[in-house]
C-alpha atoms as a PDB file:
ATOM      1  CA  MET A   1      -0.121   0.041  -0.020  1.00  0.00           C
ATOM      2  CA  GLU A   2       1.514   3.540  -0.855  1.00  0.00           C
ATOM      3  CA  PRO A   3       1.740   5.916   2.015  1.00  0.00           C
ATOM      4  CA  VAL A   4      -0.800   8.426   2.339  1.00  0.00           C
ATOM      5  CA  LEU A   5       0.315  12.067   2.059  1.00  0.00           C
ATOM      6  CA  ASN A   6      -0.688  14.730   4.324  1.00  0.00           C
ATOM      7  CA  ILE A   7      -2.293  17.634   2.833  1.00  0.00           C
ATOM      8  CA  ASP A   8      -3.623  19.104   5.758  1.00  0.00           C
ATOM      9  CA  CYS A   9      -2.846  22.763   6.304  1.00  0.00           C
ATOM     10  CA  LYS A  10      -0.976  23.827   9.348  1.00  0.00           C
ATOM     11  CA  THR A  11      -2.492  24.640  12.063  1.00  0.00           C
ATOM     12  CA  PRO A  12      -2.234  28.232  14.023  1.00  0.00           C
ATOM     13  CA  ALA A  13       0.131  26.466  16.625  1.00  0.00           C
ATOM     14  CA  ASN A  14       2.043  24.825  13.730  1.00  0.00           C
ATOM     15  CA  ILE A  15       2.557  28.099  12.332  1.00  0.00           C
ATOM     16  CA  ALA A  16       3.739  29.931  15.444  1.00  0.00           C
ATOM     17  CA  ASN A  17       5.881  27.296  16.134  1.00  0.00           C
ATOM     18  CA  THR A  18       7.562  27.354  12.486  1.00  0.00           C
ATOM     19  CA  LEU A  19       8.097  31.238  12.395  1.00  0.00           C
ATOM     20  CA  SER A  20      10.205  31.380  15.945  1.00  0.00           C
ATOM     21  CA  ARG A  21      11.846  28.427  15.939  1.00  0.00           C
ATOM     22  CA  THR A  22      12.654  27.871  12.104  1.00  0.00           C
ATOM     23  CA  ILE A  23      11.893  30.879   9.661  1.00  0.00           C
ATOM     24  CA  CYS A  24      12.464  33.826  11.878  1.00  0.00           C
ATOM     25  CA  VAL A  25      15.840  32.568  12.807  1.00  0.00           C
ATOM     26  CA  GLN A  26      17.262  31.142   9.266  1.00  0.00           C
ATOM     27  CA  LYS A  27      16.378  35.246   8.410  1.00  0.00           C
ATOM     28  CA  THR A  28      18.690  36.434  10.964  1.00  0.00           C
ATOM     29  CA  ASN A  29      20.971  33.959  10.124  1.00  0.00           C
ATOM     30  CA  THR A  30      20.919  34.665   6.402  1.00  0.00           C
ATOM     31  CA  SER A  31      23.925  36.464   4.826  1.00  0.00           C
ATOM     32  CA  ASN A  32      23.287  40.403   3.877  1.00  0.00           C
ATOM     33  CA  PHE A  33      24.299  39.984   0.135  1.00  0.00           C
ATOM     34  CA  ARG A  34      21.671  37.152  -0.123  1.00  0.00           C
ATOM     35  CA  LEU A  35      19.061  39.533   2.155  1.00  0.00           C
ATOM     36  CA  ALA A  36      20.054  42.674  -0.038  1.00  0.00           C
ATOM     37  CA  MET A  37      19.705  41.196  -3.418  1.00  0.00           C
ATOM     38  CA  LEU A  38      16.099  39.188  -2.253  1.00  0.00           C
ATOM     39  CA  GLY A  39      15.086  42.932  -0.759  1.00  0.00           C
ATOM     40  CA  ILE A  40      15.816  44.817  -4.295  1.00  0.00           C
ATOM     41  CA  LEU A  41      13.768  41.914  -5.979  1.00  0.00           C
ATOM     42  CA  ALA A  42      10.438  42.104  -3.353  1.00  0.00           C
ATOM     43  CA  GLY A  43      11.321  46.076  -3.775  1.00  0.00           C
ATOM     44  CA  ALA A  44      10.068  45.676  -7.255  1.00  0.00           C
ATOM     45  CA  TYR A  45       7.643  42.753  -6.928  1.00  0.00           C
ATOM     46  CA  ILE A  46       5.618  45.154  -4.865  1.00  0.00           C
ATOM     47  CA  GLY A  47       6.075  47.809  -7.435  1.00  0.00           C
ATOM     48  CA  PHE A  48       4.588  45.525  -9.936  1.00  0.00           C
ATOM     49  CA  GLY A  49       1.696  44.692  -8.015  1.00  0.00           C
ATOM     50  CA  ALA A  50       1.581  48.988  -7.415  1.00  0.00           C
ATOM     51  CA  GLY A  51       1.872  49.525 -11.035  1.00  0.00           C
ATOM     52  CA  LEU A  52      -1.424  47.291 -12.107  1.00  0.00           C
ATOM     53  CA  ALA A  53      -3.316  48.473  -9.168  1.00  0.00           C
ATOM     54  CA  THR A  54      -2.550  52.127 -10.516  1.00  0.00           C
ATOM     55  CA  THR A  55      -3.211  51.345 -14.069  1.00  0.00           C
ATOM     56  CA  VAL A  56      -6.360  49.365 -13.295  1.00  0.00           C
ATOM     57  CA  GLY A  57      -7.720  52.006 -11.005  1.00  0.00           C
ATOM     58  CA  SER A  58      -7.322  54.814 -13.541  1.00  0.00           C
ATOM     59  CA  ASP A  59     -10.736  54.365 -14.818  1.00  0.00           C
ATOM     60  CA  ALA A  60     -12.508  52.037 -13.147  1.00  0.00           C
ATOM     61  CA  ALA A  61     -14.350  54.255 -10.890  1.00  0.00           C
ATOM     62  CA  LYS A  62     -16.497  55.217 -14.119  1.00  0.00           C
ATOM     63  CA  PHE A  63     -17.588  52.037 -14.529  1.00  0.00           C
ATOM     64  CA  LEU A  64     -17.885  50.132 -11.541  1.00  0.00           C
ATOM     65  CA  GLY A  65     -18.271  52.999  -8.838  1.00  0.00           C
ATOM     66  CA  LEU A  66     -16.579  53.809  -5.959  1.00  0.00           C
ATOM     67  CA  GLY A  67     -16.550  50.674  -3.947  1.00  0.00           C
ATOM     68  CA  LEU A  68     -16.054  48.000  -6.779  1.00  0.00           C
ATOM     69  CA  SER A  69     -13.175  50.017  -8.479  1.00  0.00           C
ATOM     70  CA  ARG A  70     -11.300  49.898  -5.107  1.00  0.00           C
ATOM     71  CA  LEU A  71     -12.237  46.002  -4.744  1.00  0.00           C
ATOM     72  CA  VAL A  72     -10.878  45.556  -8.337  1.00  0.00           C
ATOM     73  CA  THR A  73      -7.634  47.884  -7.688  1.00  0.00           C
ATOM     74  CA  GLY A  74      -6.921  45.709  -4.443  1.00  0.00           C
ATOM     75  CA  ALA A  75      -7.191  42.174  -5.995  1.00  0.00           C
ATOM     76  CA  VAL A  76      -4.731  43.196  -9.108  1.00  0.00           C
ATOM     77  CA  PHE A  77      -2.648  44.599  -6.258  1.00  0.00           C
ATOM     78  CA  SER A  78      -1.988  41.316  -4.962  1.00  0.00           C
ATOM     79  CA  LEU A  79       0.351  40.079  -7.475  1.00  0.00           C
ATOM     80  CA  GLY A  80       2.989  41.644  -5.323  1.00  0.00           C
ATOM     81  CA  LEU A  81       2.612  39.951  -2.313  1.00  0.00           C
ATOM     82  CA  MET A  82       1.879  37.058  -4.887  1.00  0.00           C
ATOM     83  CA  LEU A  83       5.120  37.281  -6.429  1.00  0.00           C
ATOM     84  CA  VAL A  84       7.152  37.829  -3.191  1.00  0.00           C
ATOM     85  CA  VAL A  85       6.306  34.389  -1.354  1.00  0.00           C
ATOM     86  CA  ILE A  86       5.688  32.342  -4.195  1.00  0.00           C
ATOM     87  CA  ALA A  87       9.043  33.554  -6.505  1.00  0.00           C
ATOM     88  CA  GLY A  88      10.939  34.098  -3.264  1.00  0.00           C
ATOM     89  CA  ALA A  89      12.189  37.325  -2.127  1.00  0.00           C
ATOM     90  CA  GLU A  90      12.261  39.129   0.943  1.00  0.00           C
ATOM     91  CA  LEU A  91      10.035  42.048   1.979  1.00  0.00           C
ATOM     92  CA  PHE A  92      10.466  44.496   4.937  1.00  0.00           C
ATOM     93  CA  THR A  93       6.798  44.062   6.305  1.00  0.00           C
ATOM     94  CA  GLY A  94       6.545  40.369   6.401  1.00  0.00           C
ATOM     95  CA  ASN A  95       9.799  40.509   7.943  1.00  0.00           C
ATOM     96  CA  ASN A  96       8.583  41.957  11.268  1.00  0.00           C
ATOM     97  CA  LEU A  97       7.294  38.729  12.126  1.00  0.00           C
ATOM     98  CA  MET A  98      11.164  38.128  13.087  1.00  0.00           C
ATOM     99  CA  LEU A  99      10.472  39.417  16.498  1.00  0.00           C
ATOM    100  CA  MET A 100       8.869  36.093  17.302  1.00  0.00           C
ATOM    101  CA  SER A 101      12.255  34.545  16.943  1.00  0.00           C
ATOM    102  CA  VAL A 102      13.507  37.286  19.499  1.00  0.00           C
ATOM    103  CA  LEU A 103      10.655  36.494  22.044  1.00  0.00           C
ATOM    104  CA  ASP A 104      11.021  32.801  21.919  1.00  0.00           C
ATOM    105  CA  LYS A 105      15.079  34.025  22.471  1.00  0.00           C
ATOM    106  CA  ARG A 106      16.320  32.286  19.616  1.00  0.00           C
ATOM    107  CA  ALA A 107      17.581  35.242  18.214  1.00  0.00           C
ATOM    108  CA  HIS A 108      19.293  39.043  19.354  1.00  0.00           C
ATOM    109  CA  ILE A 109      17.038  41.882  19.051  1.00  0.00           C
ATOM    110  CA  ILE A 110      20.228  44.069  17.491  1.00  0.00           C
ATOM    111  CA  LYS A 111      20.438  41.411  14.516  1.00  0.00           C
ATOM    112  CA  MET A 112      16.875  41.627  13.881  1.00  0.00           C
ATOM    113  CA  LEU A 113      16.686  45.577  13.492  1.00  0.00           C
ATOM    114  CA  GLN A 114      19.746  45.340  11.502  1.00  0.00           C
ATOM    115  CA  LYS A 115      18.079  43.024   9.330  1.00  0.00           C
ATOM    116  CA  TRP A 116      15.200  45.048   9.203  1.00  0.00           C
ATOM    117  CA  LEU A 117      17.276  48.244   8.330  1.00  0.00           C
ATOM    118  CA  LEU A 118      19.104  45.823   5.276  1.00  0.00           C
ATOM    119  CA  VAL A 119      15.776  44.655   3.884  1.00  0.00           C
ATOM    120  CA  PHE A 120      13.910  48.053   4.064  1.00  0.00           C
ATOM    121  CA  VAL A 121      17.037  49.880   2.039  1.00  0.00           C
ATOM    122  CA  ALA A 122      16.774  46.734  -0.608  1.00  0.00           C
ATOM    123  CA  ASN A 123      13.301  46.957  -0.962  1.00  0.00           C
ATOM    124  CA  PHE A 124      13.261  51.188  -1.160  1.00  0.00           C
ATOM    125  CA  ILE A 125      16.047  50.415  -4.026  1.00  0.00           C
ATOM    126  CA  GLY A 126      14.020  47.744  -5.527  1.00  0.00           C
ATOM    127  CA  ALA A 127      10.799  49.539  -5.310  1.00  0.00           C
ATOM    128  CA  VAL A 128      12.144  53.131  -6.657  1.00  0.00           C
ATOM    129  CA  LEU A 129      14.348  51.489  -9.844  1.00  0.00           C
ATOM    130  CA  LEU A 130      10.578  50.000 -10.722  1.00  0.00           C
ATOM    131  CA  ALA A 131       9.108  53.335 -10.631  1.00  0.00           C
ATOM    132  CA  TYR A 132      11.994  55.009 -12.951  1.00  0.00           C
ATOM    133  CA  LEU A 133      11.843  52.285 -15.224  1.00  0.00           C
ATOM    134  CA  TYR A 134       8.461  52.550 -15.550  1.00  0.00           C
ATOM    135  CA  PHE A 135       8.856  56.232 -15.976  1.00  0.00           C
ATOM    136  CA  GLU A 136      10.929  56.003 -18.807  1.00  0.00           C
ATOM    137  CA  THR A 137       8.594  53.813 -20.508  1.00  0.00           C
ATOM    138  CA  ASN A 138       5.849  56.230 -21.127  1.00  0.00           C
ATOM    139  CA  LEU A 139       2.971  53.765 -20.831  1.00  0.00           C
ATOM    140  CA  TRP A 140       2.056  56.099 -18.178  1.00  0.00           C
ATOM    141  CA  LYS A 141       0.697  58.190 -20.736  1.00  0.00           C
ATOM    142  CA  MET A 142      -1.727  55.610 -22.022  1.00  0.00           C
ATOM    143  CA  GLY A 143      -5.820  56.838 -21.852  1.00  0.00           C
ATOM    144  CA  ASP A 144      -4.845  60.256 -22.451  1.00  0.00           C
ATOM    145  CA  MET A 145      -3.002  60.364 -19.518  1.00  0.00           C
ATOM    146  CA  ALA A 146      -5.054  58.757 -17.752  1.00  0.00           C
ATOM    147  CA  VAL A 147      -2.704  56.579 -15.921  1.00  0.00           C
ATOM    148  CA  GLY A 148       0.152  59.421 -14.946  1.00  0.00           C
ATOM    149  CA  LEU A 149      -2.778  61.411 -13.561  1.00  0.00           C
ATOM    150  CA  ASN A 150      -4.212  58.621 -11.808  1.00  0.00           C
ATOM    151  CA  ALA A 151      -0.440  57.986 -10.149  1.00  0.00           C
ATOM    152  CA  LEU A 152      -0.315  61.764  -9.359  1.00  0.00           C
ATOM    153  CA  ARG A 153      -3.211  61.806  -7.289  1.00  0.00           C
ATOM    154  CA  ILE A 154      -2.598  58.631  -5.190  1.00  0.00           C
ATOM    155  CA  ALA A 155       0.886  59.986  -4.655  1.00  0.00           C
ATOM    156  CA  VAL A 156      -0.577  63.574  -3.204  1.00  0.00           C
ATOM    157  CA  MET A 157      -3.193  61.845  -1.422  1.00  0.00           C
ATOM    158  CA  LYS A 158      -0.150  59.805   0.341  1.00  0.00           C
ATOM    159  CA  VAL A 159       2.126  62.847   1.118  1.00  0.00           C
ATOM    160  CA  SER A 160      -0.980  65.147   2.572  1.00  0.00           C
ATOM    161  CA  LEU A 161      -2.014  62.596   5.075  1.00  0.00           C
ATOM    162  CA  THR A 162      -1.246  63.556   9.036  1.00  0.00           C
ATOM    163  CA  PHE A 163       1.063  61.976  10.814  1.00  0.00           C
ATOM    164  CA  GLY A 164      -1.540  60.183  13.086  1.00  0.00           C
ATOM    165  CA  GLU A 165      -3.566  59.159   9.904  1.00  0.00           C
ATOM    166  CA  ALA A 166      -0.518  57.626   8.125  1.00  0.00           C
ATOM    167  CA  LEU A 167      -0.072  55.802  11.282  1.00  0.00           C
ATOM    168  CA  THR A 168      -2.789  54.315  12.020  1.00  0.00           C
ATOM    169  CA  ARG A 169      -3.180  53.245   8.278  1.00  0.00           C
ATOM    170  CA  GLY A 170      -0.001  51.584   8.233  1.00  0.00           C
ATOM    171  CA  ILE A 171      -0.799  49.375  11.729  1.00  0.00           C
ATOM    172  CA  LEU A 172      -4.107  48.393   9.731  1.00  0.00           C
ATOM    173  CA  CYS A 173      -2.183  47.485   6.601  1.00  0.00           C
ATOM    174  CA  ASN A 174       0.888  45.190   7.937  1.00  0.00           C
ATOM    175  CA  TRP A 175      -1.791  43.253  10.650  1.00  0.00           C
ATOM    176  CA  LEU A 176      -3.791  42.199   7.234  1.00  0.00           C
ATOM    177  CA  VAL A 177      -0.138  41.664   5.448  1.00  0.00           C
ATOM    178  CA  CYS A 178       1.635  39.723   7.828  1.00  0.00           C
ATOM    179  CA  LEU A 179      -2.078  37.730   8.416  1.00  0.00           C
ATOM    180  CA  ALA A 180      -1.736  36.928   4.642  1.00  0.00           C
ATOM    181  CA  VAL A 181       1.888  35.350   5.135  1.00  0.00           C
ATOM    182  CA  TRP A 182       0.689  33.559   8.172  1.00  0.00           C
ATOM    183  CA  MET A 183      -1.914  31.809   6.053  1.00  0.00           C
ATOM    184  CA  ALA A 184       0.297  31.529   3.280  1.00  0.00           C
ATOM    185  CA  LEU A 185       2.395  29.262   5.716  1.00  0.00           C
ATOM    186  CA  ALA A 186      -0.692  27.298   6.383  1.00  0.00           C
ATOM    187  CA  SER A 187      -1.166  26.038   3.145  1.00  0.00           C
ATOM    188  CA  ARG A 188       0.809  22.913   1.664  1.00  0.00           C
ATOM    189  CA  ASP A 189       0.618  24.003  -1.909  1.00  0.00           C
ATOM    190  CA  VAL A 190       0.644  26.870  -4.548  1.00  0.00           C
ATOM    191  CA  VAL A 191      -2.548  27.330  -5.428  1.00  0.00           C
ATOM    192  CA  GLY A 192      -3.729  27.433  -1.214  1.00  0.00           C
ATOM    193  CA  LYS A 193      -0.940  30.565  -1.019  1.00  0.00           C
ATOM    194  CA  LEU A 194      -2.206  32.353  -3.808  1.00  0.00           C
ATOM    195  CA  PHE A 195      -5.565  32.599  -2.059  1.00  0.00           C
ATOM    196  CA  ALA A 196      -4.560  33.392   0.843  1.00  0.00           C
ATOM    197  CA  ILE A 197      -2.731  35.999   0.173  1.00  0.00           C
ATOM    198  CA  PHE A 198      -5.486  37.558  -2.312  1.00  0.00           C
ATOM    199  CA  PHE A 199      -8.198  38.603   0.501  1.00  0.00           C
ATOM    200  CA  PRO A 200      -6.293  39.916   3.256  1.00  0.00           C
ATOM    201  CA  ILE A 201      -3.988  42.089   0.356  1.00  0.00           C
ATOM    202  CA  MET A 202      -7.535  43.096  -1.672  1.00  0.00           C
ATOM    203  CA  ALA A 203      -8.516  43.761   1.849  1.00  0.00           C
ATOM    204  CA  PHE A 204      -5.757  46.670   2.963  1.00  0.00           C
ATOM    205  CA  VAL A 205      -5.905  48.234  -0.514  1.00  0.00           C
ATOM    206  CA  ALA A 206      -9.705  48.283  -0.817  1.00  0.00           C
ATOM    207  CA  LEU A 207      -9.790  50.014   2.582  1.00  0.00           C
ATOM    208  CA  GLY A 208      -7.590  52.217   1.738  1.00  0.00           C
ATOM    209  CA  PHE A 209      -4.437  51.688   4.615  1.00  0.00           C
ATOM    210  CA  GLU A 210      -1.032  52.352   4.087  1.00  0.00           C
ATOM    211  CA  HIS A 211       2.253  50.436   2.814  1.00  0.00           C
ATOM    212  CA  SER A 212       5.116  51.649   3.128  1.00  0.00           C
ATOM    213  CA  VAL A 213       7.166  49.215   0.476  1.00  0.00           C
ATOM    214  CA  ALA A 214       4.234  49.608  -1.785  1.00  0.00           C
ATOM    215  CA  ASN A 215       4.553  53.326  -1.025  1.00  0.00           C
ATOM    216  CA  MET A 216       8.201  53.521  -2.230  1.00  0.00           C
ATOM    217  CA  TYR A 217       6.705  53.030  -5.698  1.00  0.00           C
ATOM    218  CA  PHE A 218       4.005  55.347  -5.642  1.00  0.00           C
ATOM    219  CA  ILE A 219       5.297  57.955  -4.099  1.00  0.00           C
ATOM    220  CA  PRO A 220       8.604  58.595  -6.363  1.00  0.00           C
ATOM    221  CA  LEU A 221       6.417  57.961  -9.638  1.00  0.00           C
ATOM    222  CA  GLY A 222       4.505  60.960  -8.719  1.00  0.00           C
ATOM    223  CA  ILE A 223       7.382  62.916  -8.167  1.00  0.00           C
ATOM    224  CA  PHE A 224       9.447  61.675 -11.482  1.00  0.00           C
ATOM    225  CA  LEU A 225       5.742  62.475 -13.050  1.00  0.00           C
ATOM    226  CA  LYS A 226       5.144  66.059 -11.330  1.00  0.00           C
ATOM    227  CA  ASP A 227       7.066  68.098 -13.862  1.00  0.00           C
ATOM    228  CA  MET A 228       5.943  65.757 -16.946  1.00  0.00           C
ATOM    229  CA  ILE A 229       2.236  66.875 -16.756  1.00  0.00           C
ATOM    230  CA  ILE A 230       0.532  69.904 -16.874  1.00  0.00           C
ATOM    231  CA  VAL A 231      -2.077  70.218 -13.920  1.00  0.00           C
ATOM    232  CA  ASP A 232      -4.313  72.743 -12.926  1.00  0.00           C
ATOM    233  CA  PRO A 233      -3.312  73.542  -9.121  1.00  0.00           C
ATOM    234  CA  LYS A 234      -7.171  74.376  -8.386  1.00  0.00           C
ATOM    235  CA  VAL A 235      -7.383  70.455  -9.260  1.00  0.00           C
ATOM    236  CA  LEU A 236      -4.418  68.816  -8.086  1.00  0.00           C
ATOM    237  CA  ASP A 237      -1.731  70.977  -6.203  1.00  0.00           C
ATOM    238  CA  LEU A 238       1.341  69.309  -7.012  1.00  0.00           C
ATOM    239  CA  SER A 239       3.480  71.749  -4.500  1.00  0.00           C
ATOM    240  CA  ASN A 240       3.547  69.068  -1.564  1.00  0.00           C
ATOM    241  CA  LEU A 241       4.395  66.559  -3.857  1.00  0.00           C
ATOM    242  CA  THR A 242       8.407  66.304  -2.694  1.00  0.00           C
ATOM    243  CA  TRP A 243      11.196  63.839  -1.571  1.00  0.00           C
ATOM    244  CA  GLY A 244      11.036  65.511   1.641  1.00  0.00           C
ATOM    245  CA  ASN A 245       7.563  65.107   2.305  1.00  0.00           C
ATOM    246  CA  PHE A 246       7.606  61.716   0.894  1.00  0.00           C
ATOM    247  CA  PHE A 247       9.999  60.644   3.750  1.00  0.00           C
ATOM    248  CA  PHE A 248       8.551  62.654   6.427  1.00  0.00           C
ATOM    249  CA  ASN A 249       4.853  62.732   5.925  1.00  0.00           C
ATOM    250  CA  ASN A 250       4.592  59.373   4.684  1.00  0.00           C
ATOM    251  CA  LEU A 251       7.194  56.913   4.940  1.00  0.00           C
ATOM    252  CA  LEU A 252       8.109  57.472   8.651  1.00  0.00           C
ATOM    253  CA  PRO A 253       4.891  57.241  10.197  1.00  0.00           C
ATOM    254  CA  VAL A 254       4.155  54.557   7.543  1.00  0.00           C
ATOM    255  CA  THR A 255       6.644  52.261   8.601  1.00  0.00           C
ATOM    256  CA  ILE A 256       6.422  52.821  12.288  1.00  0.00           C
ATOM    257  CA  GLY A 257       2.608  51.901  11.890  1.00  0.00           C
ATOM    258  CA  ASN A 258       3.704  49.206   9.908  1.00  0.00           C
ATOM    259  CA  ILE A 259       6.056  47.311  12.723  1.00  0.00           C
ATOM    260  CA  ILE A 260       3.318  47.703  14.895  1.00  0.00           C
ATOM    261  CA  GLY A 261       1.060  46.206  13.019  1.00  0.00           C
ATOM    262  CA  GLY A 262       2.963  43.589  11.930  1.00  0.00           C
ATOM    263  CA  ALA A 263       5.609  42.567  14.877  1.00  0.00           C
ATOM    264  CA  PHE A 264       3.376  43.471  17.545  1.00  0.00           C
ATOM    265  CA  PHE A 265      -0.363  42.622  16.552  1.00  0.00           C
ATOM    266  CA  VAL A 266       0.568  39.687  14.671  1.00  0.00           C
ATOM    267  CA  GLY A 267       3.643  38.315  15.961  1.00  0.00           C
ATOM    268  CA  LEU A 268       3.549  39.236  19.456  1.00  0.00           C
ATOM    269  CA  VAL A 269       0.130  38.057  19.815  1.00  0.00           C
ATOM    270  CA  TYR A 270       0.691  34.672  18.069  1.00  0.00           C
ATOM    271  CA  TRP A 271       3.727  34.305  20.001  1.00  0.00           C
ATOM    272  CA  THR A 272       1.627  34.982  23.248  1.00  0.00           C
ATOM    273  CA  VAL A 273      -0.835  32.783  22.721  1.00  0.00           C
ATOM    274  CA  TYR A 274       0.600  29.612  20.862  1.00  0.00           C
ATOM    275  CA  VAL A 275       4.492  29.769  21.979  1.00  0.00           C
ATOM    276  CA  ARG A 276       4.892  31.504  25.053  1.00  0.00           C
ATOM    277  CA  ASP A 277       1.961  29.448  27.010  1.00  0.00           C
ATOM    278  CA  THR A 278       2.781  26.430  25.568  1.00  0.00           C
ATOM    279  CA  ASP A 279       6.243  26.655  26.740  1.00  0.00           C
ATOM    280  CA  LYS A 280       4.924  27.492  30.122  1.00  0.00           C
ATOM    281  CA  LYS A 281       2.872  24.601  30.244  1.00  0.00           C
ATOM    282  CA  GLN A 282       5.924  22.181  28.826  1.00  0.00           C
END
């Protein structure tokens, strides 16, 4: 008789133990060169999803209305994390779960912070590189500049957020992103991982939350386009669309929020429930 393969999904307790004792420990010990290369790829992959969402969202509201257009935009954006998880790359927001290994005393907090910073910078390089390459294609001129105008609107909206708005949207975003990574680990096949990723990512985009790495594509693209498209200031004021506002009005608070949402609302909570309490009982 042939052996029966176990195709059941992993339980939350299995995932928590795998992350805190294996996957996250391995990430803290991965070479800087490998993390940097995979981080650049992740930034580009998220940029692909963001670019697709910008194109689809340029006229979707005219045909579908506000709610459905956001749903469709979120659906196509999920491509980014699918590429990261299935093809293999290192994403800063997903790596916030590395806190679980620190809590489990299997990794040092300084080493974790160093790896976070390395991947964050690498993600930035990959996302901005993709934004620049897309800018050079002139594909943003599609639909009589509709795609480029949508890119500008997205960028202006993001740099115009208050610190509190950007922070809370960042928290809620990475709560969902890390849950997508968490559920993808539960599946033992590619199709299951794709579905696990799709719904949380679609939800965070449709709800309007803020993802630091996605913004590394959205806002630089807007800055590149700023002097290429003539816009009436009364309709869309581009004066706030600067690198300084990108870093301090958006990237800083959103990144802090992403860390809180991923490391604490997912990593800390599940480590406490499934790892810490289990160790105490044993």
